[in-house]
Amino acid sequence: MKKLSIIASTLILVACGSAKIISISQADVDRAATKYPGITSEQLVEGQKLYAANCAKCHTLFAPGKFGEKRWKHEIEEMSGKDYANIDSKTQESITKYILTFAKQ
């Protein structure tokens, strides 16, 4: 019983600290298009999936709105440069477009 309680508590704490997966709306696409003309909802969703798949391998995901654009650019560039991250430039660009669309203003 104690083991089950520990597992449940851990799952709750992890869930509370994690970024929530959000649905991409047309308003989000329109906002992204001001920075990235011609971007589609599919591209934003792909960036979201790549963010979750690549970044969650090593640490908790942060909600894109947690930090501003300058901080996110720094973090994405720094993390992408890590050998263990193995993030190519196309993946980095996709993640960046997704994150910066929702970054704190």
Protein backbone atom coordinates (compact mmCIF):
# COMPACT_ATOMS: atom_id res chain seq x y z
CA MET A 1 0.00 0.00 0.00
CA LYS A 2 2.84 2.38 0.88
CA LYS A 3 4.48 1.70 -2.50
CA LEU A 4 1.24 2.54 -4.33
CA SER A 5 0.92 5.77 -2.35
CA ILE A 6 4.46 6.82 -3.28
CA ILE A 7 3.85 6.10 -6.96
CA ALA A 8 0.57 8.03 -6.95
CA SER A 9 2.18 11.02 -5.21
CA THR A 10 5.04 11.04 -7.72
CA LEU A 11 2.65 10.98 -10.66
CA ILE A 12 0.66 13.87 -9.23
CA LEU A 13 3.79 15.96 -8.68
CA VAL A 14 5.08 15.25 -12.17
CA ALA A 15 1.73 16.14 -13.70
CA CYS A 16 1.60 19.43 -11.81
CA GLY A 17 5.06 20.46 -12.97
CA SER A 18 4.60 19.51 -16.59
CA ALA A 19 3.51 21.65 -19.48
CA LYS A 20 0.00 20.88 -20.63
CA ILE A 21 -0.48 19.94 -24.27
CA ILE A 22 -2.66 22.63 -25.77
CA SER A 23 -4.86 22.57 -28.83
CA ILE A 24 -3.71 24.76 -31.68
CA SER A 25 -6.43 27.20 -32.74
CA GLN A 26 -6.76 29.39 -35.82
CA ALA A 27 -5.99 32.40 -33.60
CA ASP A 28 -2.69 30.72 -32.70
CA VAL A 29 -1.89 30.18 -36.39
CA ASP A 30 -2.75 33.81 -37.15
CA ARG A 31 -0.47 34.99 -34.32
CA ALA A 32 2.35 32.72 -35.54
CA ALA A 33 1.89 34.02 -39.11
CA THR A 34 2.90 37.52 -38.00
CA LYS A 35 6.39 36.13 -37.32
CA TYR A 36 6.37 33.20 -39.71
CA PRO A 37 4.28 34.05 -42.80
CA GLY A 38 2.60 31.03 -44.35
CA ILE A 39 2.88 28.84 -41.24
CA THR A 40 0.12 26.25 -40.90
CA SER A 41 -1.61 24.63 -37.96
CA GLU A 42 0.01 21.36 -39.02
CA GLN A 43 3.46 22.93 -38.67
CA LEU A 44 2.64 24.25 -35.20
CA VAL A 45 1.33 20.83 -34.16
CA GLU A 46 4.51 19.24 -35.52
CA GLY A 47 6.62 21.69 -33.48
CA GLN A 48 4.56 20.85 -30.41
CA LYS A 49 5.09 17.11 -30.95
CA LEU A 50 8.82 17.58 -31.52
CA TYR A 51 9.09 19.70 -28.38
CA ALA A 52 7.37 17.02 -26.32
CA ALA A 53 9.27 14.12 -27.89
CA ASN A 54 12.75 15.64 -27.79
CA CYS A 55 12.80 17.79 -24.69
CA ALA A 56 10.90 15.48 -22.34
CA LYS A 57 13.59 12.82 -22.83
CA CYS A 58 15.80 14.70 -20.38
CA HIS A 59 13.65 17.01 -18.26
CA THR A 60 10.19 18.27 -17.42
CA LEU A 61 8.57 20.29 -20.16
CA PHE A 62 7.85 23.93 -19.44
CA ALA A 63 4.75 25.67 -20.73
CA PRO A 64 5.78 27.91 -23.65
CA GLY A 65 4.15 30.88 -21.90
CA LYS A 66 6.40 30.49 -18.87
CA PHE A 67 9.29 32.44 -20.43
CA GLY A 68 9.74 35.28 -22.88
CA GLU A 69 11.10 35.03 -26.41
CA LYS A 70 14.67 35.98 -25.51
CA ARG A 71 14.93 33.30 -22.81
CA TRP A 72 13.37 30.64 -25.03
CA LYS A 73 15.69 31.40 -27.93
CA HIS A 74 18.66 31.02 -25.60
CA GLU A 75 17.36 27.77 -24.07
CA ILE A 76 16.44 26.17 -27.40
CA GLU A 77 19.79 27.06 -28.94
CA GLU A 78 21.70 25.81 -25.91
CA MET A 79 19.78 22.54 -25.64
CA SER A 80 19.91 21.86 -29.38
CA GLY A 81 23.69 22.12 -29.24
CA LYS A 82 24.03 19.31 -26.72
CA ASP A 83 25.34 16.08 -28.22
CA TYR A 84 22.90 13.94 -26.27
CA ALA A 85 19.93 16.02 -27.48
CA ASN A 86 20.66 15.15 -31.11
CA ILE A 87 18.36 17.88 -32.45
CA ASP A 88 18.99 18.82 -36.07
CA SER A 89 18.43 22.31 -37.45
CA LYS A 90 15.05 21.49 -39.02
CA THR A 91 13.75 20.09 -35.73
CA GLN A 92 15.16 23.07 -33.84
CA GLU A 93 13.40 25.47 -36.21
CA SER A 94 10.08 23.66 -35.82
CA ILE A 95 10.33 23.63 -32.02
CA THR A 96 11.32 27.32 -32.01
CA LYS A 97 8.33 28.36 -34.11
CA TYR A 98 5.96 26.48 -31.83
CA ILE A 99 7.49 27.78 -28.59
CA LEU A 100 7.82 31.40 -29.70
CA THR A 101 4.21 31.47 -30.87
CA PHE A 102 3.16 30.94 -27.26
CA ALA A 103 6.05 32.63 -25.42
CA LYS A 104 5.29 35.26 -22.81
CA GLN A 105 5.11 38.73 -24.36
